């Protein structure tokens, strides 16, 4: 491989690397560090907090259903059947 081909190969490799960085959202900050800019971390944190809150509520409902007394489980069965009757006219 002659020196000209070597220079062309290096330029091609660097160009491909730059294109891939741009594609995956990697850029340099003011200090020269590479930073991933894929999504906003604040919005991700808020979305995850909302998801955790919803899952906690679901777990509380499941715990309440499991630990309810026999009388309330009968009431729950009647409510489920009533909902099924409303769904199937």
C-alpha atoms as a PDB file:
ATOM      1  CA  UNK A   1       0.000   0.000   0.000  1.00  0.00           C
ATOM      2  CA  UNK A   2       1.508   3.310  -1.013  1.00  0.00           C
ATOM      3  CA  UNK A   3       1.320   6.469   1.162  1.00  0.00           C
ATOM      4  CA  UNK A   4      -1.496   7.994  -0.924  1.00  0.00           C
ATOM      5  CA  UNK A   5      -3.722   4.928  -0.395  1.00  0.00           C
ATOM      6  CA  UNK A   6      -2.902   5.010   3.329  1.00  0.00           C
ATOM      7  CA  UNK A   7      -4.033   8.654   3.593  1.00  0.00           C
ATOM      8  CA  UNK A   8      -7.256   7.895   1.694  1.00  0.00           C
ATOM      9  CA  UNK A   9      -7.950   4.887   3.959  1.00  0.00           C
ATOM     10  CA  UNK A  10      -7.451   7.012   7.107  1.00  0.00           C
ATOM     11  CA  UNK A  11      -9.766   9.717   5.750  1.00  0.00           C
ATOM     12  CA  UNK A  12     -12.453   7.114   4.945  1.00  0.00           C
ATOM     13  CA  UNK A  13     -12.202   5.566   8.435  1.00  0.00           C
ATOM     14  CA  UNK A  14     -12.419   8.959  10.167  1.00  0.00           C
ATOM     15  CA  UNK A  15     -15.386   9.970   7.998  1.00  0.00           C
ATOM     16  CA  UNK A  16     -17.257   6.755   8.775  1.00  0.00           C
ATOM     17  CA  UNK A  17     -16.577   7.269  12.485  1.00  0.00           C
ATOM     18  CA  UNK A  18     -17.878  10.859  12.329  1.00  0.00           C
ATOM     19  CA  UNK A  19     -21.034   9.756  10.523  1.00  0.00           C
ATOM     20  CA  UNK A  20     -21.692   7.060  13.122  1.00  0.00           C
ATOM     21  CA  UNK A  21     -21.155   9.528  15.979  1.00  0.00           C
ATOM     22  CA  UNK A  22     -23.641  11.929  14.426  1.00  0.00           C
ATOM     23  CA  UNK A  23     -26.102   9.095  13.829  1.00  0.00           C
ATOM     24  CA  UNK A  24     -26.039   8.004  17.475  1.00  0.00           C
ATOM     25  CA  UNK A  25     -26.143  11.566  18.852  1.00  0.00           C
ATOM     26  CA  UNK A  26     -22.638  11.808  20.289  1.00  0.00           C
ATOM     27  CA  UNK A  27     -21.140  15.308  20.392  1.00  0.00           C
ATOM     28  CA  UNK A  28     -18.415  17.162  22.262  1.00  0.00           C
ATOM     29  CA  UNK A  29     -19.228  19.549  25.104  1.00  0.00           C
ATOM     30  CA  UNK A  30     -17.340  22.768  25.829  1.00  0.00           C
ATOM     31  CA  UNK A  31     -14.611  20.816  27.671  1.00  0.00           C
ATOM     32  CA  UNK A  32     -13.992  18.466  24.745  1.00  0.00           C
ATOM     33  CA  UNK A  33     -15.662  15.449  26.373  1.00  0.00           C
ATOM     34  CA  UNK A  34     -17.878  13.272  24.221  1.00  0.00           C
ATOM     35  CA  UNK A  35     -21.471  13.353  25.442  1.00  0.00           C
ATOM     36  CA  UNK A  36     -24.434  11.234  24.340  1.00  0.00           C
ATOM     37  CA  UNK A  37     -27.301  13.461  23.268  1.00  0.00           C
ATOM     38  CA  UNK A  38     -29.888  10.775  22.566  1.00  0.00           C
ATOM     39  CA  UNK A  39     -32.652  11.975  24.846  1.00  0.00           C
ATOM     40  CA  UNK A  40     -33.326  14.529  27.526  1.00  0.00           C
ATOM     41  CA  UNK A  41     -32.429  13.068  30.908  1.00  0.00           C
ATOM     42  CA  UNK A  42     -34.856  15.330  32.789  1.00  0.00           C
ATOM     43  CA  UNK A  43     -37.826  14.150  30.736  1.00  0.00           C
ATOM     44  CA  UNK A  44     -36.648  10.542  31.049  1.00  0.00           C
ATOM     45  CA  UNK A  45     -36.426  10.907  34.825  1.00  0.00           C
ATOM     46  CA  UNK A  46     -39.927  12.401  34.997  1.00  0.00           C
ATOM     47  CA  UNK A  47     -41.318   9.633  32.798  1.00  0.00           C
ATOM     48  CA  UNK A  48     -39.658   6.962  34.932  1.00  0.00           C
ATOM     49  CA  UNK A  49     -40.965   8.580  38.139  1.00  0.00           C
ATOM     50  CA  UNK A  50     -44.499   8.522  36.726  1.00  0.00           C
ATOM     51  CA  UNK A  51     -44.100   4.902  35.693  1.00  0.00           C
ATOM     52  CA  UNK A  52     -42.824   3.902  39.151  1.00  0.00           C
ATOM     53  CA  UNK A  53     -45.719   5.762  40.792  1.00  0.00           C
ATOM     54  CA  UNK A  54     -48.228   3.935  38.576  1.00  0.00           C
ATOM     55  CA  UNK A  55     -46.611   0.577  39.322  1.00  0.00           C
ATOM     56  CA  UNK A  56     -46.690   1.277  43.076  1.00  0.00           C
ATOM     57  CA  UNK A  57     -50.401   2.042  42.833  1.00  0.00           C
ATOM     58  CA  UNK A  58     -50.975  -1.225  40.984  1.00  0.00           C
ATOM     59  CA  UNK A  59     -49.035  -3.165  43.614  1.00  0.00           C
ATOM     60  CA  UNK A  60     -51.107  -1.538  46.370  1.00  0.00           C
ATOM     61  CA  UNK A  61     -54.301  -2.596  44.612  1.00  0.00           C
ATOM     62  CA  UNK A  62     -53.002  -6.148  44.218  1.00  0.00           C
ATOM     63  CA  UNK A  63     -51.987  -6.285  47.881  1.00  0.00           C
ATOM     64  CA  UNK A  64     -55.418  -5.039  48.910  1.00  0.00           C
ATOM     65  CA  UNK A  65     -57.139  -7.645  46.718  1.00  0.00           C
ATOM     66  CA  UNK A  66     -54.986 -10.446  48.100  1.00  0.00           C
ATOM     67  CA  UNK A  67     -55.280  -9.484  51.759  1.00  0.00           C
ATOM     68  CA  UNK A  68     -58.992  -8.618  51.783  1.00  0.00           C
ATOM     69  CA  UNK A  69     -61.326 -10.705  53.899  1.00  0.00           C
ATOM     70  CA  UNK A  70     -63.698 -13.295  52.488  1.00  0.00           C
ATOM     71  CA  UNK A  71     -66.681 -10.921  52.566  1.00  0.00           C
ATOM     72  CA  UNK A  72     -64.888  -8.314  50.502  1.00  0.00           C
ATOM     73  CA  UNK A  73     -63.660 -10.962  48.055  1.00  0.00           C
ATOM     74  CA  UNK A  74     -67.277 -11.968  47.498  1.00  0.00           C
ATOM     75  CA  UNK A  75     -68.109  -8.328  46.895  1.00  0.00           C
ATOM     76  CA  UNK A  76     -65.205  -8.144  44.439  1.00  0.00           C
ATOM     77  CA  UNK A  77     -66.490 -11.231  42.606  1.00  0.00           C
ATOM     78  CA  UNK A  78     -69.931  -9.632  42.287  1.00  0.00           C
ATOM     79  CA  UNK A  79     -68.405  -6.409  40.951  1.00  0.00           C
ATOM     80  CA  UNK A  80     -66.349  -8.335  38.383  1.00  0.00           C
ATOM     81  CA  UNK A  81     -69.410 -10.259  37.248  1.00  0.00           C
ATOM     82  CA  UNK A  82     -71.390  -7.009  37.005  1.00  0.00           C
ATOM     83  CA  UNK A  83     -68.669  -5.560  34.800  1.00  0.00           C
ATOM     84  CA  UNK A  84     -68.680  -8.671  32.630  1.00  0.00           C
ATOM     85  CA  UNK A  85     -72.478  -8.417  32.281  1.00  0.00           C
ATOM     86  CA  UNK A  86     -72.174  -4.780  31.197  1.00  0.00           C
ATOM     87  CA  UNK A  87     -69.509  -5.690  28.639  1.00  0.00           C
ATOM     88  CA  UNK A  88     -71.547  -8.534  27.079  1.00  0.00           C
ATOM     89  CA  UNK A  89     -75.068  -7.224  26.335  1.00  0.00           C
END
